[in-house]
């Protein structure tokens, strides 16, 4: 389980989150190919 605990105060906060989620999608896909389930959660102020 990977949790991104986000902040909406700093500049381009949302873009940074989506960029990180793009990298995590690759990691999640690789885990699936290896027979392992990974979950991703977004928490914090950008999530809100």
ModelCIF file with pLDDT and N, C-alpha, C, O atoms, coordinates in Angstrom:
data_MODEL
#
_entry.id   MODEL 
#
_entity.id                         1 
_entity.type                       polymer 
_entity.pdbx_number_of_molecules   1 
#
_entity_poly.entity_id                      1 
_entity_poly.type                           'polypeptide(L)' 
_entity_poly.nstd_linkage                   no 
_entity_poly.nstd_monomer                   no 
_entity_poly.pdbx_seq_one_letter_code       
;(UNK)(UNK)(UNK)(UNK)(UNK)(UNK)(UNK)(UNK)(UNK)(UNK)(UNK)(UNK)(UNK)(UNK)(UNK)(UNK)
(UNK)(UNK)(UNK)(UNK)(UNK)(UNK)(UNK)(UNK)(UNK)(UNK)(UNK)(UNK)(UNK)(UNK)(UNK)(UNK)
(UNK)(UNK)(UNK)(UNK)(UNK)(UNK)(UNK)(UNK)(UNK)(UNK)(UNK)(UNK)(UNK)(UNK)(UNK)(UNK)
;
_entity_poly.pdbx_seq_one_letter_code_can   XXXXXXXXXXXXXXXXXXXXXXXXXXXXXXXXXXXXXXXXXXXXXXXX 
_entity_poly.pdbx_strand_id                 A 
#
loop_
_entity_poly_seq.entity_id 
_entity_poly_seq.num 
_entity_poly_seq.mon_id 
_entity_poly_seq.hetero 
1 1  UNK n 
1 2  UNK n 
1 3  UNK n 
1 4  UNK n 
1 5  UNK n 
1 6  UNK n 
1 7  UNK n 
1 8  UNK n 
1 9  UNK n 
1 10 UNK n 
1 11 UNK n 
1 12 UNK n 
1 13 UNK n 
1 14 UNK n 
1 15 UNK n 
1 16 UNK n 
1 17 UNK n 
1 18 UNK n 
1 19 UNK n 
1 20 UNK n 
1 21 UNK n 
1 22 UNK n 
1 23 UNK n 
1 24 UNK n 
1 25 UNK n 
1 26 UNK n 
1 27 UNK n 
1 28 UNK n 
1 29 UNK n 
1 30 UNK n 
1 31 UNK n 
1 32 UNK n 
1 33 UNK n 
1 34 UNK n 
1 35 UNK n 
1 36 UNK n 
1 37 UNK n 
1 38 UNK n 
1 39 UNK n 
1 40 UNK n 
1 41 UNK n 
1 42 UNK n 
1 43 UNK n 
1 44 UNK n 
1 45 UNK n 
1 46 UNK n 
1 47 UNK n 
1 48 UNK n 
#
_struct_asym.id          A 
_struct_asym.entity_id   1 
#
loop_
_ma_qa_metric.id 
_ma_qa_metric.mode 
_ma_qa_metric.name 
_ma_qa_metric.software_group_id 
_ma_qa_metric.type 
1 global pLDDT . pLDDT 
2 local  pLDDT . pLDDT 
#
_ma_qa_metric_global.metric_id      1 
_ma_qa_metric_global.metric_value   88.52 
_ma_qa_metric_global.model_id       1 
_ma_qa_metric_global.ordinal_id     1 
#
loop_
_ma_qa_metric_local.label_asym_id 
_ma_qa_metric_local.label_comp_id 
_ma_qa_metric_local.label_seq_id 
_ma_qa_metric_local.metric_id 
_ma_qa_metric_local.metric_value 
_ma_qa_metric_local.model_id 
_ma_qa_metric_local.ordinal_id 
A UNK 1  2 97.00 1 1  
A UNK 2  2 96.00 1 2  
A UNK 3  2 96.00 1 3  
A UNK 4  2 95.00 1 4  
A UNK 5  2 92.00 1 5  
A UNK 6  2 89.00 1 6  
A UNK 7  2 83.00 1 7  
A UNK 8  2 75.00 1 8  
A UNK 9  2 67.00 1 9  
A UNK 10 2 62.00 1 10 
A UNK 11 2 58.00 1 11 
A UNK 12 2 69.00 1 12 
A UNK 13 2 71.00 1 13 
A UNK 14 2 77.00 1 14 
A UNK 15 2 81.00 1 15 
A UNK 16 2 85.00 1 16 
A UNK 17 2 89.00 1 17 
A UNK 18 2 90.00 1 18 
A UNK 19 2 91.00 1 19 
A UNK 20 2 92.00 1 20 
A UNK 21 2 94.00 1 21 
A UNK 22 2 93.00 1 22 
A UNK 23 2 93.00 1 23 
A UNK 24 2 95.00 1 24 
A UNK 25 2 94.00 1 25 
A UNK 26 2 95.00 1 26 
A UNK 27 2 95.00 1 27 
A UNK 28 2 95.00 1 28 
A UNK 29 2 94.00 1 29 
A UNK 30 2 93.00 1 30 
A UNK 31 2 93.00 1 31 
A UNK 32 2 93.00 1 32 
A UNK 33 2 94.00 1 33 
A UNK 34 2 92.00 1 34 
A UNK 35 2 92.00 1 35 
A UNK 36 2 92.00 1 36 
A UNK 37 2 93.00 1 37 
A UNK 38 2 95.00 1 38 
A UNK 39 2 96.00 1 39 
A UNK 40 2 96.00 1 40 
A UNK 41 2 95.00 1 41 
A UNK 42 2 95.00 1 42 
A UNK 43 2 93.00 1 43 
A UNK 44 2 88.00 1 44 
A UNK 45 2 85.00 1 45 
A UNK 46 2 86.00 1 46 
A UNK 47 2 88.00 1 47 
A UNK 48 2 87.00 1 48 
#
loop_
_atom_site.group_PDB 
_atom_site.id 
_atom_site.type_symbol 
_atom_site.label_atom_id 
_atom_site.label_alt_id 
_atom_site.label_comp_id 
_atom_site.label_asym_id 
_atom_site.label_entity_id 
_atom_site.label_seq_id 
_atom_site.pdbx_PDB_ins_code 
_atom_site.Cartn_x 
_atom_site.Cartn_y 
_atom_site.Cartn_z 
_atom_site.occupancy 
_atom_site.B_iso_or_equiv 
_atom_site.pdbx_formal_charge 
_atom_site.auth_seq_id 
_atom_site.auth_comp_id 
_atom_site.auth_asym_id 
_atom_site.auth_atom_id 
_atom_site.pdbx_PDB_model_num 
ATOM 1   N N  . UNK A 1 1  ? 0.855   -1.184  0.000   1.00 97.00 ? 1  UNK A N  1 
ATOM 2   C CA . UNK A 1 1  ? 0.000   0.000   0.000   1.00 97.00 ? 1  UNK A CA 1 
ATOM 3   C C  . UNK A 1 1  ? 0.889   1.231   0.000   1.00 97.00 ? 1  UNK A C  1 
ATOM 4   O O  . UNK A 1 1  ? 1.781   1.367   0.838   1.00 97.00 ? 1  UNK A O  1 
ATOM 5   N N  . UNK A 1 2  ? 0.641   2.124   -0.943  1.00 96.00 ? 2  UNK A N  1 
ATOM 6   C CA . UNK A 1 2  ? 1.344   3.403   -1.013  1.00 96.00 ? 2  UNK A CA 1 
ATOM 7   C C  . UNK A 1 2  ? 0.323   4.520   -0.805  1.00 96.00 ? 2  UNK A C  1 
ATOM 8   O O  . UNK A 1 2  ? -0.702  4.573   -1.486  1.00 96.00 ? 2  UNK A O  1 
ATOM 9   N N  . UNK A 1 3  ? 0.614   5.404   0.137   1.00 96.00 ? 3  UNK A N  1 
ATOM 10  C CA . UNK A 1 3  ? -0.257  6.548   0.404   1.00 96.00 ? 3  UNK A CA 1 
ATOM 11  C C  . UNK A 1 3  ? 0.504   7.825   0.093   1.00 96.00 ? 3  UNK A C  1 
ATOM 12  O O  . UNK A 1 3  ? 1.586   8.056   0.633   1.00 96.00 ? 3  UNK A O  1 
ATOM 13  N N  . UNK A 1 4  ? -0.057  8.649   -0.772  1.00 95.00 ? 4  UNK A N  1 
ATOM 14  C CA . UNK A 1 4  ? 0.464   9.997   -0.984  1.00 95.00 ? 4  UNK A CA 1 
ATOM 15  C C  . UNK A 1 4  ? -0.337  10.930  -0.093  1.00 95.00 ? 4  UNK A C  1 
ATOM 16  O O  . UNK A 1 4  ? -1.528  11.142  -0.319  1.00 95.00 ? 4  UNK A O  1 
ATOM 17  N N  . UNK A 1 5  ? 0.317   11.489  0.925   1.00 92.00 ? 5  UNK A N  1 
ATOM 18  C CA . UNK A 1 5  ? -0.336  12.396  1.869   1.00 92.00 ? 5  UNK A CA 1 
ATOM 19  C C  . UNK A 1 5  ? -0.048  13.816  1.416   1.00 92.00 ? 5  UNK A C  1 
ATOM 20  O O  . UNK A 1 5  ? 1.036   14.343  1.666   1.00 92.00 ? 5  UNK A O  1 
ATOM 21  N N  . UNK A 1 6  ? -1.009  14.436  0.754   1.00 89.00 ? 6  UNK A N  1 
ATOM 22  C CA . UNK A 1 6  ? -0.745  15.601  -0.079  1.00 89.00 ? 6  UNK A CA 1 
ATOM 23  C C  . UNK A 1 6  ? -1.012  16.931  0.627   1.00 89.00 ? 6  UNK A C  1 
ATOM 24  O O  . UNK A 1 6  ? -1.730  17.001  1.625   1.00 89.00 ? 6  UNK A O  1 
ATOM 25  N N  . UNK A 1 7  ? -0.409  17.976  0.072   1.00 83.00 ? 7  UNK A N  1 
ATOM 26  C CA . UNK A 1 7  ? -0.574  19.342  0.568   1.00 83.00 ? 7  UNK A CA 1 
ATOM 27  C C  . UNK A 1 7  ? -0.968  20.224  -0.602  1.00 83.00 ? 7  UNK A C  1 
ATOM 28  O O  . UNK A 1 7  ? -0.443  20.063  -1.704  1.00 83.00 ? 7  UNK A O  1 
ATOM 29  N N  . UNK A 1 8  ? -1.893  21.160  -0.375  1.00 75.00 ? 8  UNK A N  1 
ATOM 30  C CA . UNK A 1 8  ? -2.393  22.016  -1.448  1.00 75.00 ? 8  UNK A CA 1 
ATOM 31  C C  . UNK A 1 8  ? -1.873  23.442  -1.336  1.00 75.00 ? 8  UNK A C  1 
ATOM 32  O O  . UNK A 1 8  ? -2.323  24.324  -2.066  1.00 75.00 ? 8  UNK A O  1 
ATOM 33  N N  . UNK A 1 9  ? -0.929  23.676  -0.429  1.00 67.00 ? 9  UNK A N  1 
ATOM 34  C CA . UNK A 1 9  ? -0.470  25.050  -0.191  1.00 67.00 ? 9  UNK A CA 1 
ATOM 35  C C  . UNK A 1 9  ? 0.564   25.473  -1.224  1.00 67.00 ? 9  UNK A C  1 
ATOM 36  O O  . UNK A 1 9  ? 0.494   26.586  -1.746  1.00 67.00 ? 9  UNK A O  1 
ATOM 37  N N  . UNK A 1 10 ? 1.511   24.613  -1.523  1.00 62.00 ? 10 UNK A N  1 
ATOM 38  C CA . UNK A 1 10 ? 2.625   25.007  -2.366  1.00 62.00 ? 10 UNK A CA 1 
ATOM 39  C C  . UNK A 1 10 ? 2.225   25.072  -3.837  1.00 62.00 ? 10 UNK A C  1 
ATOM 40  O O  . UNK A 1 10 ? 1.183   24.562  -4.250  1.00 62.00 ? 10 UNK A O  1 
ATOM 41  N N  . UNK A 1 11 ? 3.098   25.721  -4.610  1.00 58.00 ? 11 UNK A N  1 
ATOM 42  C CA . UNK A 1 11 ? 2.852   25.944  -6.025  1.00 58.00 ? 11 UNK A CA 1 
ATOM 43  C C  . UNK A 1 11 ? 2.787   24.613  -6.778  1.00 58.00 ? 11 UNK A C  1 
ATOM 44  O O  . UNK A 1 11 ? 3.578   23.704  -6.528  1.00 58.00 ? 11 UNK A O  1 
ATOM 45  N N  . UNK A 1 12 ? 1.839   24.520  -7.698  1.00 69.00 ? 12 UNK A N  1 
ATOM 46  C CA . UNK A 1 12 ? 1.690   23.364  -8.576  1.00 69.00 ? 12 UNK A CA 1 
ATOM 47  C C  . UNK A 1 12 ? 1.540   22.060  -7.794  1.00 69.00 ? 12 UNK A C  1 
ATOM 48  O O  . UNK A 1 12 ? 2.045   21.015  -8.205  1.00 69.00 ? 12 UNK A O  1 
ATOM 49  N N  . UNK A 1 13 ? 0.831   22.138  -6.648  1.00 71.00 ? 13 UNK A N  1 
ATOM 50  C CA . UNK A 1 13 ? 0.696   20.954  -5.797  1.00 71.00 ? 13 UNK A CA 1 
ATOM 51  C C  . UNK A 1 13 ? -0.001  19.821  -6.538  1.00 71.00 ? 13 UNK A C  1 
ATOM 52  O O  . UNK A 1 13 ? 0.440   18.674  -6.467  1.00 71.00 ? 13 UNK A O  1 
ATOM 53  N N  . UNK A 1 14 ? -1.075  20.125  -7.242  1.00 77.00 ? 14 UNK A N  1 
ATOM 54  C CA . UNK A 1 14 ? -1.836  19.072  -7.930  1.00 77.00 ? 14 UNK A CA 1 
ATOM 55  C C  . UNK A 1 14 ? -1.005  18.414  -9.018  1.00 77.00 ? 14 UNK A C  1 
ATOM 56  O O  . UNK A 1 14 ? -1.015  17.191  -9.157  1.00 77.00 ? 14 UNK A O  1 
ATOM 57  N N  . UNK A 1 15 ? -0.280  19.224  -9.795  1.00 81.00 ? 15 UNK A N  1 
ATOM 58  C CA . UNK A 1 15 ? 0.518   18.673  -10.878 1.00 81.00 ? 15 UNK A CA 1 
ATOM 59  C C  . UNK A 1 15 ? 1.574   17.710  -10.345 1.00 81.00 ? 15 UNK A C  1 
ATOM 60  O O  . UNK A 1 15 ? 1.854   16.682  -10.962 1.00 81.00 ? 15 UNK A O  1 
ATOM 61  N N  . UNK A 1 16 ? 2.161   18.050  -9.193  1.00 85.00 ? 16 UNK A N  1 
ATOM 62  C CA . UNK A 1 16 ? 3.177   17.169  -8.601  1.00 85.00 ? 16 UNK A CA 1 
ATOM 63  C C  . UNK A 1 16 ? 2.559   15.835  -8.178  1.00 85.00 ? 16 UNK A C  1 
ATOM 64  O O  . UNK A 1 16 ? 3.179   14.780  -8.311  1.00 85.00 ? 16 UNK A O  1 
ATOM 65  N N  . UNK A 1 17 ? 1.329   15.902  -7.666  1.00 89.00 ? 17 UNK A N  1 
ATOM 66  C CA . UNK A 1 17 ? 0.657   14.663  -7.266  1.00 89.00 ? 17 UNK A CA 1 
ATOM 67  C C  . UNK A 1 17 ? 0.384   13.785  -8.478  1.00 89.00 ? 17 UNK A C  1 
ATOM 68  O O  . UNK A 1 17 ? 0.646   12.583  -8.439  1.00 89.00 ? 17 UNK A O  1 
ATOM 69  N N  . UNK A 1 18 ? -0.138  14.366  -9.556  1.00 90.00 ? 18 UNK A N  1 
ATOM 70  C CA . UNK A 1 18 ? -0.448  13.571  -10.741 1.00 90.00 ? 18 UNK A CA 1 
ATOM 71  C C  . UNK A 1 18 ? 0.828   13.008  -11.373 1.00 90.00 ? 18 UNK A C  1 
ATOM 72  O O  . UNK A 1 18 ? 0.823   11.899  -11.906 1.00 90.00 ? 18 UNK A O  1 
ATOM 73  N N  . UNK A 1 19 ? 1.912   13.772  -11.313 1.00 91.00 ? 19 UNK A N  1 
ATOM 74  C CA . UNK A 1 19 ? 3.178   13.277  -11.829 1.00 91.00 ? 19 UNK A CA 1 
ATOM 75  C C  . UNK A 1 19 ? 3.653   12.071  -11.017 1.00 91.00 ? 19 UNK A C  1 
ATOM 76  O O  . UNK A 1 19 ? 4.121   11.082  -11.582 1.00 91.00 ? 19 UNK A O  1 
ATOM 77  N N  . UNK A 1 20 ? 3.531   12.159  -9.695  1.00 92.00 ? 20 UNK A N  1 
ATOM 78  C CA . UNK A 1 20 ? 3.924   11.038  -8.833  1.00 92.00 ? 20 UNK A CA 1 
ATOM 79  C C  . UNK A 1 20 ? 3.021   9.835   -9.073  1.00 92.00 ? 20 UNK A C  1 
ATOM 80  O O  . UNK A 1 20 ? 3.487   8.695   -9.067  1.00 92.00 ? 20 UNK A O  1 
ATOM 81  N N  . UNK A 1 21 ? 1.735   10.083  -9.282  1.00 94.00 ? 21 UNK A N  1 
ATOM 82  C CA . UNK A 1 21 ? 0.817   8.976   -9.548  1.00 94.00 ? 21 UNK A CA 1 
ATOM 83  C C  . UNK A 1 21 ? 1.159   8.268   -10.856 1.00 94.00 ? 21 UNK A C  1 
ATOM 84  O O  . UNK A 1 21 ? 0.967   7.058   -10.980 1.00 94.00 ? 21 UNK A O  1 
ATOM 85  N N  . UNK A 1 22 ? 1.663   9.021   -11.828 1.00 93.00 ? 22 UNK A N  1 
ATOM 86  C CA . UNK A 1 22 ? 2.098   8.396   -13.072 1.00 93.00 ? 22 UNK A CA 1 
ATOM 87  C C  . UNK A 1 22 ? 3.253   7.429   -12.840 1.00 93.00 ? 22 UNK A C  1 
ATOM 88  O O  . UNK A 1 22 ? 3.295   6.349   -13.428 1.00 93.00 ? 22 UNK A O  1 
ATOM 89  N N  . UNK A 1 23 ? 4.193   7.825   -11.976 1.00 93.00 ? 23 UNK A N  1 
ATOM 90  C CA . UNK A 1 23 ? 5.315   6.928   -11.656 1.00 93.00 ? 23 UNK A CA 1 
ATOM 91  C C  . UNK A 1 23 ? 4.827   5.710   -10.866 1.00 93.00 ? 23 UNK A C  1 
ATOM 92  O O  . UNK A 1 23 ? 5.298   4.594   -11.082 1.00 93.00 ? 23 UNK A O  1 
ATOM 93  N N  . UNK A 1 24 ? 3.886   5.933   -9.957  1.00 95.00 ? 24 UNK A N  1 
ATOM 94  C CA . UNK A 1 24 ? 3.382   4.820   -9.145  1.00 95.00 ? 24 UNK A CA 1 
ATOM 95  C C  . UNK A 1 24 ? 2.582   3.818   -9.978  1.00 95.00 ? 24 UNK A C  1 
ATOM 96  O O  . UNK A 1 24 ? 2.564   2.625   -9.677  1.00 95.00 ? 24 UNK A O  1 
ATOM 97  N N  . UNK A 1 25 ? 1.927   4.311   -11.018 1.00 94.00 ? 25 UNK A N  1 
ATOM 98  C CA . UNK A 1 25 ? 1.180   3.390   -11.888 1.00 94.00 ? 25 UNK A CA 1 
ATOM 99  C C  . UNK A 1 25 ? 2.129   2.361   -12.505 1.00 94.00 ? 25 UNK A C  1 
ATOM 100 O O  . UNK A 1 25 ? 1.784   1.185   -12.624 1.00 94.00 ? 25 UNK A O  1 
ATOM 101 N N  . UNK A 1 26 ? 3.316   2.805   -12.894 1.00 95.00 ? 26 UNK A N  1 
ATOM 102 C CA . UNK A 1 26 ? 4.316   1.896   -13.471 1.00 95.00 ? 26 UNK A CA 1 
ATOM 103 C C  . UNK A 1 26 ? 4.746   0.867   -12.430 1.00 95.00 ? 26 UNK A C  1 
ATOM 104 O O  . UNK A 1 26 ? 4.876   -0.318  -12.736 1.00 95.00 ? 26 UNK A O  1 
ATOM 105 N N  . UNK A 1 27 ? 4.968   1.328   -11.190 1.00 95.00 ? 27 UNK A N  1 
ATOM 106 C CA . UNK A 1 27 ? 5.367   0.422   -10.111 1.00 95.00 ? 27 UNK A CA 1 
ATOM 107 C C  . UNK A 1 27 ? 4.252   -0.584  -9.824  1.00 95.00 ? 27 UNK A C  1 
ATOM 108 O O  . UNK A 1 27 ? 4.517   -1.766  -9.603  1.00 95.00 ? 27 UNK A O  1 
ATOM 109 N N  . UNK A 1 28 ? 3.011   -0.109  -9.828  1.00 95.00 ? 28 UNK A N  1 
ATOM 110 C CA . UNK A 1 28 ? 1.869   -0.991  -9.565  1.00 95.00 ? 28 UNK A CA 1 
ATOM 111 C C  . UNK A 1 28 ? 1.722   -2.040  -10.666 1.00 95.00 ? 28 UNK A C  1 
ATOM 112 O O  . UNK A 1 28 ? 1.440   -3.206  -10.388 1.00 95.00 ? 28 UNK A O  1 
ATOM 113 N N  . UNK A 1 29 ? 1.913   -1.623  -11.902 1.00 94.00 ? 29 UNK A N  1 
ATOM 114 C CA . UNK A 1 29 ? 1.811   -2.576  -13.014 1.00 94.00 ? 29 UNK A CA 1 
ATOM 115 C C  . UNK A 1 29 ? 2.909   -3.639  -12.923 1.00 94.00 ? 29 UNK A C  1 
ATOM 116 O O  . UNK A 1 29 ? 2.669   -4.815  -13.201 1.00 94.00 ? 29 UNK A O  1 
ATOM 117 N N  . UNK A 1 30 ? 4.116   -3.213  -12.531 1.00 93.00 ? 30 UNK A N  1 
ATOM 118 C CA . UNK A 1 30 ? 5.221   -4.168  -12.401 1.00 93.00 ? 30 UNK A CA 1 
ATOM 119 C C  . UNK A 1 30 ? 4.933   -5.173  -11.290 1.00 93.00 ? 30 UNK A C  1 
ATOM 120 O O  . UNK A 1 30 ? 5.214   -6.364  -11.421 1.00 93.00 ? 30 UNK A O  1 
ATOM 121 N N  . UNK A 1 31 ? 4.358   -4.660  -10.173 1.00 93.00 ? 31 UNK A N  1 
ATOM 122 C CA . UNK A 1 31 ? 3.994   -5.569  -9.082  1.00 93.00 ? 31 UNK A CA 1 
ATOM 123 C C  . UNK A 1 31 ? 2.968   -6.592  -9.549  1.00 93.00 ? 31 UNK A C  1 
ATOM 124 O O  . UNK A 1 31 ? 3.057   -7.768  -9.198  1.00 93.00 ? 31 UNK A O  1 
ATOM 125 N N  . UNK A 1 32 ? 2.001   -6.151  -10.334 1.00 93.00 ? 32 UNK A N  1 
ATOM 126 C CA . UNK A 1 32 ? 0.975   -7.067  -10.832 1.00 93.00 ? 32 UNK A CA 1 
ATOM 127 C C  . UNK A 1 32 ? 1.580   -8.142  -11.734 1.00 93.00 ? 32 UNK A C  1 
ATOM 128 O O  . UNK A 1 32 ? 1.174   -9.303  -11.680 1.00 93.00 ? 32 UNK A O  1 
ATOM 129 N N  . UNK A 1 33 ? 2.549   -7.753  -12.560 1.00 94.00 ? 33 UNK A N  1 
ATOM 130 C CA . UNK A 1 33 ? 3.198   -8.744  -13.429 1.00 94.00 ? 33 UNK A CA 1 
ATOM 131 C C  . UNK A 1 33 ? 3.950   -9.792  -12.616 1.00 94.00 ? 33 UNK A C  1 
ATOM 132 O O  . UNK A 1 33 ? 4.152   -10.920 -13.067 1.00 94.00 ? 33 UNK A O  1 
ATOM 133 N N  . UNK A 1 34 ? 4.361   -9.402  -11.409 1.00 92.00 ? 34 UNK A N  1 
ATOM 134 C CA . UNK A 1 34 ? 5.066   -10.334 -10.526 1.00 92.00 ? 34 UNK A CA 1 
ATOM 135 C C  . UNK A 1 34 ? 4.126   -11.048 -9.567  1.00 92.00 ? 34 UNK A C  1 
ATOM 136 O O  . UNK A 1 34 ? 4.569   -11.689 -8.615  1.00 92.00 ? 34 UNK A O  1 
ATOM 137 N N  . UNK A 1 35 ? 2.814   -10.933 -9.822  1.00 92.00 ? 35 UNK A N  1 
ATOM 138 C CA . UNK A 1 35 ? 1.832   -11.651 -9.018  1.00 92.00 ? 35 UNK A CA 1 
ATOM 139 C C  . UNK A 1 35 ? 1.553   -11.027 -7.667  1.00 92.00 ? 35 UNK A C  1 
ATOM 140 O O  . UNK A 1 35 ? 1.067   -11.707 -6.764  1.00 92.00 ? 35 UNK A O  1 
ATOM 141 N N  . UNK A 1 36 ? 1.858   -9.719  -7.506  1.00 92.00 ? 36 UNK A N  1 
ATOM 142 C CA . UNK A 1 36 ? 1.655   -9.058  -6.216  1.00 92.00 ? 36 UNK A CA 1 
ATOM 143 C C  . UNK A 1 36 ? 0.710   -7.872  -6.397  1.00 92.00 ? 36 UNK A C  1 
ATOM 144 O O  . UNK A 1 36 ? 0.859   -7.088  -7.334  1.00 92.00 ? 36 UNK A O  1 
ATOM 145 N N  . UNK A 1 37 ? -0.253  -7.748  -5.503  1.00 93.00 ? 37 UNK A N  1 
ATOM 146 C CA . UNK A 1 37 ? -1.225  -6.654  -5.595  1.00 93.00 ? 37 UNK A CA 1 
ATOM 147 C C  . UNK A 1 37 ? -0.737  -5.460  -4.789  1.00 93.00 ? 37 UNK A C  1 
ATOM 148 O O  . UNK A 1 37 ? -0.429  -5.589  -3.604  1.00 93.00 ? 37 UNK A O  1 
ATOM 149 N N  . UNK A 1 38 ? -0.667  -4.296  -5.430  1.00 95.00 ? 38 UNK A N  1 
ATOM 150 C CA . UNK A 1 38 ? -0.335  -3.047  -4.756  1.00 95.00 ? 38 UNK A CA 1 
ATOM 151 C C  . UNK A 1 38 ? -1.538  -2.117  -4.822  1.00 95.00 ? 38 UNK A C  1 
ATOM 152 O O  . UNK A 1 38 ? -2.173  -1.992  -5.869  1.00 95.00 ? 38 UNK A O  1 
ATOM 153 N N  . UNK A 1 39 ? -1.850  -1.467  -3.713  1.00 96.00 ? 39 UNK A N  1 
ATOM 154 C CA . UNK A 1 39 ? -2.920  -0.470  -3.675  1.00 96.00 ? 39 UNK A CA 1 
ATOM 155 C C  . UNK A 1 39 ? -2.311  0.919   -3.535  1.00 96.00 ? 39 UNK A C  1 
ATOM 156 O O  . UNK A 1 39 ? -1.256  1.086   -2.924  1.00 96.00 ? 39 UNK A O  1 
ATOM 157 N N  . UNK A 1 40 ? -2.978  1.904   -4.100  1.00 96.00 ? 40 UNK A N  1 
ATOM 158 C CA . UNK A 1 40 ? -2.529  3.298   -4.036  1.00 96.00 ? 40 UNK A CA 1 
ATOM 159 C C  . UNK A 1 40 ? -3.650  4.141   -3.455  1.00 96.00 ? 40 UNK A C  1 
ATOM 160 O O  . UNK A 1 40 ? -4.794  4.055   -3.901  1.00 96.00 ? 40 UNK A O  1 
ATOM 161 N N  . UNK A 1 41 ? -3.324  4.955   -2.461  1.00 95.00 ? 41 UNK A N  1 
ATOM 162 C CA . UNK A 1 41 ? -4.284  5.874   -1.857  1.00 95.00 ? 41 UNK A CA 1 
ATOM 163 C C  . UNK A 1 41 ? -3.735  7.290   -1.937  1.00 95.00 ? 41 UNK A C  1 
ATOM 164 O O  . UNK A 1 41 ? -2.532  7.508   -1.797  1.00 95.00 ? 41 UNK A O  1 
ATOM 165 N N  . UNK A 1 42 ? -4.618  8.241   -2.162  1.00 95.00 ? 42 UNK A N  1 
ATOM 166 C CA . UNK A 1 42 ? -4.270  9.661   -2.107  1.00 95.00 ? 42 UNK A CA 1 
ATOM 167 C C  . UNK A 1 42 ? -5.041  10.266  -0.941  1.00 95.00 ? 42 UNK A C  1 
ATOM 168 O O  . UNK A 1 42 ? -6.269  10.205  -0.887  1.00 95.00 ? 42 UNK A O  1 
ATOM 169 N N  . UNK A 1 43 ? -4.296  10.847  -0.016  1.00 93.00 ? 43 UNK A N  1 
ATOM 170 C CA . UNK A 1 43 ? -4.896  11.456  1.168   1.00 93.00 ? 43 UNK A CA 1 
ATOM 171 C C  . UNK A 1 43 ? -4.497  12.931  1.226   1.00 93.00 ? 43 UNK A C  1 
ATOM 172 O O  . UNK A 1 43 ? -3.742  13.412  0.381   1.00 93.00 ? 43 UNK A O  1 
ATOM 173 N N  . UNK A 1 44 ? -5.010  13.643  2.234   1.00 88.00 ? 44 UNK A N  1 
ATOM 174 C CA . UNK A 1 44 ? -4.596  15.023  2.448   1.00 88.00 ? 44 UNK A CA 1 
ATOM 175 C C  . UNK A 1 44 ? -5.430  16.035  1.688   1.00 88.00 ? 44 UNK A C  1 
ATOM 176 O O  . UNK A 1 44 ? -6.535  15.744  1.229   1.00 88.00 ? 44 UNK A O  1 
ATOM 177 N N  . UNK A 1 45 ? -4.870  17.243  1.566   1.00 85.00 ? 45 UNK A N  1 
ATOM 178 C CA . UNK A 1 45 ? -5.653  18.386  1.091   1.00 85.00 ? 45 UNK A CA 1 
ATOM 179 C C  . UNK A 1 45 ? -5.918  18.364  -0.407  1.00 85.00 ? 45 UNK A C  1 
ATOM 180 O O  . UNK A 1 45 ? -6.975  18.820  -0.841  1.00 85.00 ? 45 UNK A O  1 
ATOM 181 N N  . UNK A 1 46 ? -4.990  17.848  -1.214  1.00 86.00 ? 46 UNK A N  1 
ATOM 182 C CA . UNK A 1 46 ? -5.282  17.718  -2.643  1.00 86.00 ? 46 UNK A CA 1 
ATOM 183 C C  . UNK A 1 46 ? -6.406  16.703  -2.846  1.00 86.00 ? 46 UNK A C  1 
ATOM 184 O O  . UNK A 1 46 ? -7.267  16.889  -3.705  1.00 86.00 ? 46 UNK A O  1 
ATOM 185 N N  . UNK A 1 47 ? -6.396  15.634  -2.058  1.00 88.00 ? 47 UNK A N  1 
ATOM 186 C CA . UNK A 1 47 ? -7.491  14.661  -2.131  1.00 88.00 ? 47 UNK A CA 1 
ATOM 187 C C  . UNK A 1 47 ? -8.818  15.319  -1.795  1.00 88.00 ? 47 UNK A C  1 
ATOM 188 O O  . UNK A 1 47 ? -9.822  15.071  -2.462  1.00 88.00 ? 47 UNK A O  1 
ATOM 189 N N  . UNK A 1 48 ? -8.827  16.162  -0.755  1.00 87.00 ? 48 UNK A N  1 
ATOM 190 C CA . UNK A 1 48 ? -10.056 16.847  -0.354  1.00 87.00 ? 48 UNK A CA 1 
ATOM 191 C C  . UNK A 1 48 ? -10.545 17.776  -1.453  1.00 87.00 ? 48 UNK A C  1 
ATOM 192 O O  . UNK A 1 48 ? -11.571 18.438  -1.291  1.00 87.00 ? 48 UNK A O  1 
#
